[in-house]
C-alpha atoms as a PDB file:
ATOM      1  CA  MET A   1     -17.738   3.576 -24.045  1.00  0.00           C
ATOM      2  CA  ILE A   2     -14.894   6.102 -24.323  1.00  0.00           C
ATOM      3  CA  LYS A   3     -11.385   4.751 -23.903  1.00  0.00           C
ATOM      4  CA  LEU A   4      -9.230   6.357 -21.209  1.00  0.00           C
ATOM      5  CA  THR A   5      -6.496   6.857 -23.808  1.00  0.00           C
ATOM      6  CA  ASP A   6      -8.823   9.258 -25.659  1.00  0.00           C
ATOM      7  CA  LEU A   7      -8.835  11.565 -22.627  1.00  0.00           C
ATOM      8  CA  ILE A   8      -5.444  11.082 -20.985  1.00  0.00           C
ATOM      9  CA  LYS A   9      -2.500  11.387 -23.340  1.00  0.00           C
ATOM     10  CA  ILE A  10       0.651  10.134 -21.633  1.00  0.00           C
ATOM     11  CA  ASN A  11       3.457   7.662 -22.236  1.00  0.00           C
ATOM     12  CA  PRO A  12       2.388   4.807 -19.931  1.00  0.00           C
ATOM     13  CA  LYS A  13       5.954   3.436 -19.767  1.00  0.00           C
ATOM     14  CA  ASP A  14       6.845   6.408 -17.546  1.00  0.00           C
ATOM     15  CA  TYR A  15       4.262   5.322 -14.971  1.00  0.00           C
ATOM     16  CA  LYS A  16       3.674   2.631 -12.394  1.00  0.00           C
ATOM     17  CA  LEU A  17       0.013   1.836 -11.786  1.00  0.00           C
ATOM     18  CA  HIS A  18      -1.144   1.947  -8.171  1.00  0.00           C
ATOM     19  CA  LEU A  19      -4.358  -0.039  -7.600  1.00  0.00           C
ATOM     20  CA  ALA A  20      -5.362   0.864  -4.051  1.00  0.00           C
ATOM     21  CA  VAL A  21      -7.588  -1.670  -2.291  1.00  0.00           C
ATOM     22  CA  THR A  22      -8.441  -2.334   1.360  1.00  0.00           C
ATOM     23  CA  SER A  23      -5.287  -2.978   3.384  1.00  0.00           C
ATOM     24  CA  GLU A  24      -4.553  -6.079   5.435  1.00  0.00           C
ATOM     25  CA  GLU A  25      -5.484  -4.019   8.508  1.00  0.00           C
ATOM     26  CA  GLY A  26      -8.919  -3.339   7.003  1.00  0.00           C
ATOM     27  CA  VAL A  27      -8.327   0.305   6.036  1.00  0.00           C
ATOM     28  CA  ASN A  28     -10.348   1.318   2.984  1.00  0.00           C
ATOM     29  CA  PRO A  29      -8.369   3.652   0.671  1.00  0.00           C
ATOM     30  CA  LEU A  30     -11.572   5.343  -0.463  1.00  0.00           C
ATOM     31  CA  ASP A  31     -12.274   6.368   3.141  1.00  0.00           C
ATOM     32  CA  VAL A  32      -8.710   7.676   3.433  1.00  0.00           C
ATOM     33  CA  PHE A  33      -8.973   9.643   0.177  1.00  0.00           C
ATOM     34  CA  ILE A  34     -12.253  11.218   1.264  1.00  0.00           C
ATOM     35  CA  ARG A  35     -11.263  12.313   4.733  1.00  0.00           C
ATOM     36  CA  ASP A  36      -7.618  13.386   4.398  1.00  0.00           C
ATOM     37  CA  LYS A  37      -5.647  14.033   1.201  1.00  0.00           C
ATOM     38  CA  ASP A  38      -2.377  14.136   3.170  1.00  0.00           C
ATOM     39  CA  GLU A  39      -3.087  10.658   4.524  1.00  0.00           C
ATOM     40  CA  TRP A  40      -3.905   9.531   0.983  1.00  0.00           C
ATOM     41  CA  LYS A  41      -0.524  10.901  -0.147  1.00  0.00           C
ATOM     42  CA  LEU A  42       1.113   8.616   2.443  1.00  0.00           C
ATOM     43  CA  TRP A  43      -0.374   5.633   0.599  1.00  0.00           C
ATOM     44  CA  GLN A  44       1.821   6.625  -2.335  1.00  0.00           C
ATOM     45  CA  ALA A  45       4.839   7.253  -0.096  1.00  0.00           C
ATOM     46  CA  TYR A  46       4.637   3.854   1.611  1.00  0.00           C
ATOM     47  CA  ARG A  47       7.453   1.463   0.785  1.00  0.00           C
ATOM     48  CA  GLY A  48       7.384  -2.162   1.814  1.00  0.00           C
ATOM     49  CA  SER A  49      10.135  -4.736   1.508  1.00  0.00           C
ATOM     50  CA  LYS A  50      10.690  -4.126  -2.203  1.00  0.00           C
ATOM     51  CA  ASN A  51      11.089  -1.124  -4.468  1.00  0.00           C
ATOM     52  CA  GLU A  52       7.774  -0.831  -6.346  1.00  0.00           C
ATOM     53  CA  TRP A  53       7.885   2.738  -7.649  1.00  0.00           C
ATOM     54  CA  THR A  54      10.743   2.328 -10.138  1.00  0.00           C
ATOM     55  CA  ARG A  55       9.470   4.887 -12.648  1.00  0.00           C
ATOM     56  CA  PRO A  56       9.140   8.692 -12.521  1.00  0.00           C
ATOM     57  CA  TYR A  57       5.369   8.726 -11.941  1.00  0.00           C
ATOM     58  CA  ILE A  58       2.589   6.866 -10.128  1.00  0.00           C
ATOM     59  CA  PHE A  59      -0.836   6.652 -11.774  1.00  0.00           C
ATOM     60  CA  SER A  60      -3.075   6.086  -8.776  1.00  0.00           C
ATOM     61  CA  LEU A  61      -6.529   4.475  -8.774  1.00  0.00           C
ATOM     62  CA  ILE A  62      -8.830   3.666  -5.833  1.00  0.00           C
ATOM     63  CA  LYS A  63     -11.265   0.774  -5.702  1.00  0.00           C
ATOM     64  CA  PHE A  64     -14.769   2.268  -5.911  1.00  0.00           C
ATOM     65  CA  HIS A  65     -17.343  -0.542  -5.716  1.00  0.00           C
ATOM     66  CA  ASN A  66     -16.839  -2.347  -9.064  1.00  0.00           C
ATOM     67  CA  PHE A  67     -14.914   0.547 -10.618  1.00  0.00           C
ATOM     68  CA  TRP A  68     -11.726   2.546 -10.113  1.00  0.00           C
ATOM     69  CA  LEU A  69     -11.700   6.192  -9.015  1.00  0.00           C
ATOM     70  CA  PHE A  70      -8.841   8.356 -10.249  1.00  0.00           C
ATOM     71  CA  GLY A  71      -6.698   9.344  -7.252  1.00  0.00           C
ATOM     72  CA  GLY A  72      -4.133  11.490  -9.034  1.00  0.00           C
ATOM     73  CA  ILE A  73      -0.680  11.316 -10.587  1.00  0.00           C
ATOM     74  CA  TYR A  74       2.273  11.487  -8.201  1.00  0.00           C
ATOM     75  CA  THR A  75       5.854  12.308  -9.032  1.00  0.00           C
ATOM     76  CA  VAL A  76       8.462  10.140  -7.309  1.00  0.00           C
ATOM     77  CA  ILE A  77      11.023  12.635  -5.964  1.00  0.00           C
ATOM     78  CA  LYS A  78      13.302  10.298  -3.990  1.00  0.00           C
ATOM     79  CA  ARG A  79      13.498   6.634  -3.097  1.00  0.00           C
ATOM     80  CA  HIS A  80      14.586   5.868   0.455  1.00  0.00           C
ATOM     81  CA  ASN A  81      15.015   2.452   2.060  1.00  0.00           C
ATOM     82  CA  THR A  82      11.864   2.847   4.154  1.00  0.00           C
ATOM     83  CA  ARG A  83       9.704   5.291   2.184  1.00  0.00           C
ATOM     84  CA  TYR A  84       9.273   7.353  -0.961  1.00  0.00           C
ATOM     85  CA  GLU A  85       9.152  11.102  -1.313  1.00  0.00           C
ATOM     86  CA  VAL A  86       6.272  11.941  -3.643  1.00  0.00           C
ATOM     87  CA  GLU A  87       4.425  15.038  -4.780  1.00  0.00           C
ATOM     88  CA  LEU A  88       1.045  15.383  -6.428  1.00  0.00           C
ATOM     89  CA  ALA A  89       1.538  16.361 -10.065  1.00  0.00           C
ATOM     90  CA  SER A  90      -0.606  18.983 -11.765  1.00  0.00           C
ATOM     91  CA  GLN A  91      -1.364  16.669 -14.712  1.00  0.00           C
ATOM     92  CA  PHE A  92      -5.112  15.969 -14.913  1.00  0.00           C
ATOM     93  CA  GLU A  93      -5.544  17.309 -11.371  1.00  0.00           C
ATOM     94  CA  SER A  94      -9.061  18.507 -12.204  1.00  0.00           C
ATOM     95  CA  LEU A  95     -10.126  14.869 -12.690  1.00  0.00           C
ATOM     96  CA  ILE A  96      -9.035  13.655  -9.249  1.00  0.00           C
ATOM     97  CA  GLY A  97     -11.975  12.128  -7.415  1.00  0.00           C
ATOM     98  CA  ARG A  98     -14.211  12.714 -10.447  1.00  0.00           C
ATOM     99  CA  LEU A  99     -13.053  10.243 -13.074  1.00  0.00           C
ATOM    100  CA  LEU A 100     -14.559   6.767 -12.715  1.00  0.00           C
ATOM    101  CA  ILE A 101     -12.869   4.008 -14.698  1.00  0.00           C
ATOM    102  CA  SER A 102     -13.734   0.435 -15.646  1.00  0.00           C
ATOM    103  CA  GLY A 103     -12.010  -2.176 -17.768  1.00  0.00           C
ATOM    104  CA  ILE A 104     -10.157  -4.399 -15.331  1.00  0.00           C
ATOM    105  CA  PRO A 105     -11.585  -6.362 -12.362  1.00  0.00           C
ATOM    106  CA  THR A 106     -11.544  -4.865  -8.867  1.00  0.00           C
ATOM    107  CA  ASN A 107     -11.287  -8.253  -7.113  1.00  0.00           C
ATOM    108  CA  ARG A 108      -7.577  -8.543  -7.778  1.00  0.00           C
ATOM    109  CA  GLY A 109      -6.171  -9.289  -4.334  1.00  0.00           C
ATOM    110  CA  ARG A 110      -3.658  -7.029  -2.612  1.00  0.00           C
ATOM    111  CA  GLY A 111      -0.972  -6.434  -5.244  1.00  0.00           C
ATOM    112  CA  ARG A 112      -0.685  -2.696  -5.734  1.00  0.00           C
ATOM    113  CA  SER A 113       2.098  -1.993  -8.246  1.00  0.00           C
ATOM    114  CA  TYR A 114       1.881  -2.724 -11.978  1.00  0.00           C
ATOM    115  CA  ASN A 115       3.334  -1.403 -15.219  1.00  0.00           C
ATOM    116  CA  LEU A 116       0.748   1.021 -16.536  1.00  0.00           C
ATOM    117  CA  GLU A 117       1.140  -0.036 -20.176  1.00  0.00           C
ATOM    118  CA  THR A 118      -0.117  -3.524 -19.245  1.00  0.00           C
ATOM    119  CA  TYR A 119      -3.599  -2.150 -18.532  1.00  0.00           C
ATOM    120  CA  PHE A 120      -3.788   1.365 -19.948  1.00  0.00           C
ATOM    121  CA  ASP A 121      -5.463   0.384 -23.223  1.00  0.00           C
ATOM    122  CA  GLN A 122      -8.068  -1.659 -21.341  1.00  0.00           C
ATOM    123  CA  PHE A 123      -9.369   1.234 -19.242  1.00  0.00           C
ATOM    124  CA  GLU A 124     -12.682   2.814 -20.218  1.00  0.00           C
ATOM    125  CA  ILE A 125     -14.340   5.946 -18.866  1.00  0.00           C
ATOM    126  CA  ASN A 126     -17.460   4.986 -16.977  1.00  0.00           C
ATOM    127  CA  GLN A 127     -18.387   8.415 -15.639  1.00  0.00           C
ATOM    128  CA  ILE A 128     -17.029  11.861 -14.788  1.00  0.00           C
ATOM    129  CA  PHE A 129     -18.675  13.279 -11.677  1.00  0.00           C
ATOM    130  CA  GLN A 130     -19.591  16.954 -11.674  1.00  0.00           C
ATOM    131  CA  ASN A 131     -17.685  17.439  -8.398  1.00  0.00           C
ATOM    132  CA  MET A 132     -15.000  15.521  -6.533  1.00  0.00           C
ATOM    133  CA  TYR A 133     -16.498  12.549  -4.723  1.00  0.00           C
ATOM    134  CA  ASP A 134     -16.819  13.643  -1.083  1.00  0.00           C
ATOM    135  CA  GLY A 135     -18.061  10.549   0.677  1.00  0.00           C
ATOM    136  CA  GLN A 136     -20.884   8.195   1.341  1.00  0.00           C
ATOM    137  CA  ASP A 137     -24.291   9.537   0.366  1.00  0.00           C
ATOM    138  CA  PHE A 138     -26.884   9.361   3.121  1.00  0.00           C
ATOM    139  CA  PRO A 139     -27.874   5.665   3.068  1.00  0.00           C
ATOM    140  CA  GLY A 140     -31.317   5.933   4.685  1.00  0.00           C
ATOM    141  CA  TYR A 141     -32.137   5.929   8.382  1.00  0.00           C
ATOM    142  CA  GLU A 142     -32.265   2.126   8.651  1.00  0.00           C
ATOM    143  CA  ASN A 143     -28.836   1.680   7.046  1.00  0.00           C
ATOM    144  CA  ILE A 144     -26.598   4.010   9.035  1.00  0.00           C
ATOM    145  CA  ASN A 145     -23.433   2.244  10.182  1.00  0.00           C
ATOM    146  CA  VAL A 146     -20.635   4.773  10.006  1.00  0.00           C
ATOM    147  CA  SER A 147     -17.166   4.944  11.542  1.00  0.00           C
ATOM    148  CA  PHE A 148     -16.033   7.912  13.614  1.00  0.00           C
ATOM    149  CA  LYS A 149     -13.556   9.002  10.922  1.00  0.00           C
ATOM    150  CA  ASN A 150     -16.156   8.930   8.170  1.00  0.00           C
ATOM    151  CA  LEU A 151     -18.737  10.691  10.344  1.00  0.00           C
ATOM    152  CA  GLU A 152     -16.091  13.270  11.245  1.00  0.00           C
ATOM    153  CA  HIS A 153     -15.551  14.008   7.557  1.00  0.00           C
ATOM    154  CA  ILE A 154     -19.321  14.277   7.024  1.00  0.00           C
ATOM    155  CA  VAL A 155     -19.601  16.710   9.941  1.00  0.00           C
ATOM    156  CA  ARG A 156     -16.566  18.799   9.006  1.00  0.00           C
ATOM    157  CA  ILE A 157     -17.806  19.441   5.461  1.00  0.00           C
ATOM    158  CA  ASN A 158     -21.420  19.843   6.643  1.00  0.00           C
ATOM    159  CA  LYS A 159     -22.485  17.224   4.102  1.00  0.00           C
ATOM    160  CA  ALA A 160     -25.914  18.491   3.135  1.00  0.00           C
ATOM    161  CA  ASP A 161     -27.796  15.206   2.662  1.00  0.00           C
ATOM    162  CA  TRP A 162     -26.690  13.850   6.057  1.00  0.00           C
ATOM    163  CA  LYS A 163     -27.304  17.110   7.915  1.00  0.00           C
ATOM    164  CA  THR A 164     -30.737  17.643   6.373  1.00  0.00           C
ATOM    165  CA  ALA A 165     -31.767  14.080   7.227  1.00  0.00           C
ATOM    166  CA  LEU A 166     -30.580  14.126  10.844  1.00  0.00           C
ATOM    167  CA  GLN A 167     -30.815  17.650  12.218  1.00  0.00           C
ATOM    168  CA  ASN A 168     -34.602  17.691  12.749  1.00  0.00           C
ATOM    169  CA  LEU A 169     -35.055  14.221  14.209  1.00  0.00           C
ATOM    170  CA  LYS A 170     -34.976  12.815  17.693  1.00  0.00           C
ATOM    171  CA  GLY A 171     -33.725   9.282  18.097  1.00  0.00           C
ATOM    172  CA  VAL A 172     -31.905   6.500  19.894  1.00  0.00           C
ATOM    173  CA  TYR A 173     -28.444   5.537  18.690  1.00  0.00           C
ATOM    174  CA  LEU A 174     -25.690   3.043  19.397  1.00  0.00           C
ATOM    175  CA  ILE A 175     -21.953   3.684  19.626  1.00  0.00           C
ATOM    176  CA  THR A 176     -19.887   0.514  19.417  1.00  0.00           C
ATOM    177  CA  ASP A 177     -16.270   0.374  20.523  1.00  0.00           C
ATOM    178  CA  THR A 178     -14.947  -1.972  17.842  1.00  0.00           C
ATOM    179  CA  LYS A 179     -11.781  -2.705  19.837  1.00  0.00           C
ATOM    180  CA  THR A 180     -13.573  -4.038  22.912  1.00  0.00           C
ATOM    181  CA  ASN A 181     -17.091  -4.582  21.505  1.00  0.00           C
ATOM    182  CA  LYS A 182     -18.460  -2.502  24.377  1.00  0.00           C
ATOM    183  CA  ARG A 183     -21.602  -0.561  23.545  1.00  0.00           C
ATOM    184  CA  TYR A 184     -23.094   2.765  24.493  1.00  0.00           C
ATOM    185  CA  VAL A 185     -26.773   3.557  23.920  1.00  0.00           C
ATOM    186  CA  GLY A 186     -27.685   7.228  23.779  1.00  0.00           C
ATOM    187  CA  SER A 187     -30.557   9.415  22.680  1.00  0.00           C
ATOM    188  CA  ALA A 188     -31.166  12.828  21.183  1.00  0.00           C
ATOM    189  CA  TYR A 189     -34.244  14.609  22.496  1.00  0.00           C
ATOM    190  CA  GLY A 190     -35.386  18.020  23.672  1.00  0.00           C
ATOM    191  CA  THR A 191     -34.407  20.645  21.120  1.00  0.00           C
ATOM    192  CA  GLU A 192     -31.285  18.686  20.139  1.00  0.00           C
ATOM    193  CA  GLY A 193     -31.510  16.645  16.938  1.00  0.00           C
ATOM    194  CA  ILE A 194     -29.399  13.608  16.126  1.00  0.00           C
ATOM    195  CA  TRP A 195     -27.036  15.689  13.964  1.00  0.00           C
ATOM    196  CA  THR A 196     -26.198  18.069  16.833  1.00  0.00           C
ATOM    197  CA  ARG A 197     -25.831  15.203  19.277  1.00  0.00           C
ATOM    198  CA  TRP A 198     -23.425  13.307  17.049  1.00  0.00           C
ATOM    199  CA  CYS A 199     -21.429  16.485  16.390  1.00  0.00           C
ATOM    200  CA  SER A 200     -20.666  16.619  20.115  1.00  0.00           C
ATOM    201  CA  TYR A 201     -18.976  13.189  19.932  1.00  0.00           C
ATOM    202  CA  ILE A 202     -16.934  14.313  16.956  1.00  0.00           C
ATOM    203  CA  ASN A 203     -15.767  17.360  18.918  1.00  0.00           C
ATOM    204  CA  ASN A 204     -14.826  15.673  22.196  1.00  0.00           C
ATOM    205  CA  GLY A 205     -15.213  11.884  21.854  1.00  0.00           C
ATOM    206  CA  HIS A 206     -17.555  11.454  24.822  1.00  0.00           C
ATOM    207  CA  GLY A 207     -20.640  13.646  24.408  1.00  0.00           C
ATOM    208  CA  GLY A 208     -20.709  14.242  28.152  1.00  0.00           C
ATOM    209  CA  ASN A 209     -21.165  10.578  29.124  1.00  0.00           C
ATOM    210  CA  LYS A 210     -19.333   9.712  32.348  1.00  0.00           C
ATOM    211  CA  LEU A 211     -17.723   6.427  31.278  1.00  0.00           C
ATOM    212  CA  LEU A 212     -16.851   7.625  27.778  1.00  0.00           C
ATOM    213  CA  ARG A 213     -15.354  10.785  29.286  1.00  0.00           C
ATOM    214  CA  LYS A 214     -13.193   8.567  31.516  1.00  0.00           C
ATOM    215  CA  LEU A 215     -12.155   6.490  28.489  1.00  0.00           C
ATOM    216  CA  ILE A 216     -11.176   9.532  26.415  1.00  0.00           C
ATOM    217  CA  LYS A 217      -9.282  11.061  29.332  1.00  0.00           C
ATOM    218  CA  ALA A 218      -7.218   7.871  29.585  1.00  0.00           C
ATOM    219  CA  GLU A 219      -6.812   7.056  25.873  1.00  0.00           C
ATOM    220  CA  GLY A 220      -7.257  10.383  24.083  1.00  0.00           C
ATOM    221  CA  LEU A 221      -9.578  11.456  21.284  1.00  0.00           C
ATOM    222  CA  THR A 222      -7.572   9.313  18.853  1.00  0.00           C
ATOM    223  CA  TYR A 223      -9.081   6.246  20.518  1.00  0.00           C
ATOM    224  CA  ALA A 224     -12.572   7.382  19.514  1.00  0.00           C
ATOM    225  CA  LYS A 225     -11.396   8.173  15.989  1.00  0.00           C
ATOM    226  CA  GLU A 226      -9.949   4.690  15.576  1.00  0.00           C
ATOM    227  CA  ASN A 227     -12.647   2.604  17.250  1.00  0.00           C
ATOM    228  CA  TYR A 228     -16.130   4.191  17.401  1.00  0.00           C
ATOM    229  CA  GLN A 229     -18.894   3.031  15.073  1.00  0.00           C
ATOM    230  CA  PHE A 230     -22.251   4.884  14.978  1.00  0.00           C
ATOM    231  CA  THR A 231     -25.620   3.239  14.285  1.00  0.00           C
ATOM    232  CA  LEU A 232     -29.124   4.705  14.461  1.00  0.00           C
ATOM    233  CA  LEU A 233     -31.498   2.391  16.325  1.00  0.00           C
ATOM    234  CA  GLU A 234     -34.708   4.442  16.176  1.00  0.00           C
ATOM    235  CA  PHE A 235     -35.769   7.849  14.908  1.00  0.00           C
ATOM    236  CA  ARG A 236     -38.778  10.037  15.673  1.00  0.00           C
ATOM    237  CA  PRO A 237     -40.137  13.472  14.625  1.00  0.00           C
ATOM    238  CA  MET A 238     -39.095  16.417  16.785  1.00  0.00           C
ATOM    239  CA  LYS A 239     -42.659  16.712  18.109  1.00  0.00           C
ATOM    240  CA  THR A 240     -42.323  13.317  19.832  1.00  0.00           C
ATOM    241  CA  ASP A 241     -42.607  13.509  23.626  1.00  0.00           C
ATOM    242  CA  ASP A 242     -39.174  13.231  25.236  1.00  0.00           C
ATOM    243  CA  LYS A 243     -40.524  10.636  27.687  1.00  0.00           C
ATOM    244  CA  ASP A 244     -41.094   8.254  24.765  1.00  0.00           C
ATOM    245  CA  LEU A 245     -37.459   8.591  23.670  1.00  0.00           C
ATOM    246  CA  ILE A 246     -36.192   8.010  27.211  1.00  0.00           C
ATOM    247  CA  LEU A 247     -38.297   4.847  27.475  1.00  0.00           C
ATOM    248  CA  ARG A 248     -36.971   3.566  24.160  1.00  0.00           C
ATOM    249  CA  GLU A 249     -33.418   4.362  25.227  1.00  0.00           C
ATOM    250  CA  SER A 250     -33.944   2.298  28.397  1.00  0.00           C
ATOM    251  CA  TYR A 251     -35.341  -0.545  26.314  1.00  0.00           C
ATOM    252  CA  TRP A 252     -32.261  -0.684  24.094  1.00  0.00           C
ATOM    253  CA  LYS A 253     -29.933  -0.515  27.085  1.00  0.00           C
ATOM    254  CA  ARG A 254     -31.600  -3.666  28.422  1.00  0.00           C
ATOM    255  CA  VAL A 255     -31.578  -5.439  25.049  1.00  0.00           C
ATOM    256  CA  LEU A 256     -27.918  -4.658  24.333  1.00  0.00           C
ATOM    257  CA  ILE A 257     -26.834  -5.162  27.968  1.00  0.00           C
ATOM    258  CA  SER A 258     -24.956  -1.862  27.818  1.00  0.00           C
ATOM    259  CA  LYS A 259     -25.235  -1.219  31.605  1.00  0.00           C
ATOM    260  CA  SER A 260     -22.758  -3.958  32.464  1.00  0.00           C
ATOM    261  CA  GLU A 261     -19.251  -5.122  31.673  1.00  0.00           C
ATOM    262  CA  PHE A 262     -20.440  -5.160  28.045  1.00  0.00           C
ATOM    263  CA  GLY A 263     -21.107  -1.444  27.854  1.00  0.00           C
ATOM    264  CA  TYR A 264     -20.462   2.183  28.740  1.00  0.00           C
ATOM    265  CA  ASN A 265     -23.903   3.150  30.067  1.00  0.00           C
ATOM    266  CA  ASN A 266     -23.919   3.912  33.780  1.00  0.00           C
ATOM    267  CA  ASN A 267     -27.551   4.894  34.327  1.00  0.00           C
END
């Protein structure tokens, strides 16, 4: 195993180490890094009740399963009482999202700020990806359980493995409102594959459904971004008769009681 110090030559005493793990609100930093680099920058700019970034630079790592993914080096420009001003440094920028590191446990609790020299010699290079990590690989049809924000990222970058898997399939799917636990059962049939159908929700938050349209009109598209979770219940080849899909959609509406106070289906 190659030591990180063999690749990255810096004085660790100039750096604070940021170990980004899931927040108390349940926000996964890896999801943030993937979907929006400006939002990821805010994770460096956040200041709690104490001054954690007391050195010129932040060496930022993101929990990635049992490893750490390099999230960049940030320069601390100013320290305010409520936030930091930071800028992404050019040092080792080509390794952001590509460099996978091991050497210290990932089950460390929620502390985020450490002196880099405490751990720098322990880090080992596990892998360097060919390209920047761009999100969850397609997990298989039976294992899809994806948030709106992550699906939005997948759609916006036209992630090839997801699009190839879903664009030529009919199917029945479930949208769960994680705030209220209400459910909506829908289907993709006719000439419209699952990929195209789900893209419509990403674009407008309702896909044309009456009750979801009413919800988005009242709460805004942000509500969908924060609360929708997508799951694929069944999938079929495009040659499948549409009547079969409609019957299966009706079946799942009954099973999940989505035509009631528990759901958003109205037919």
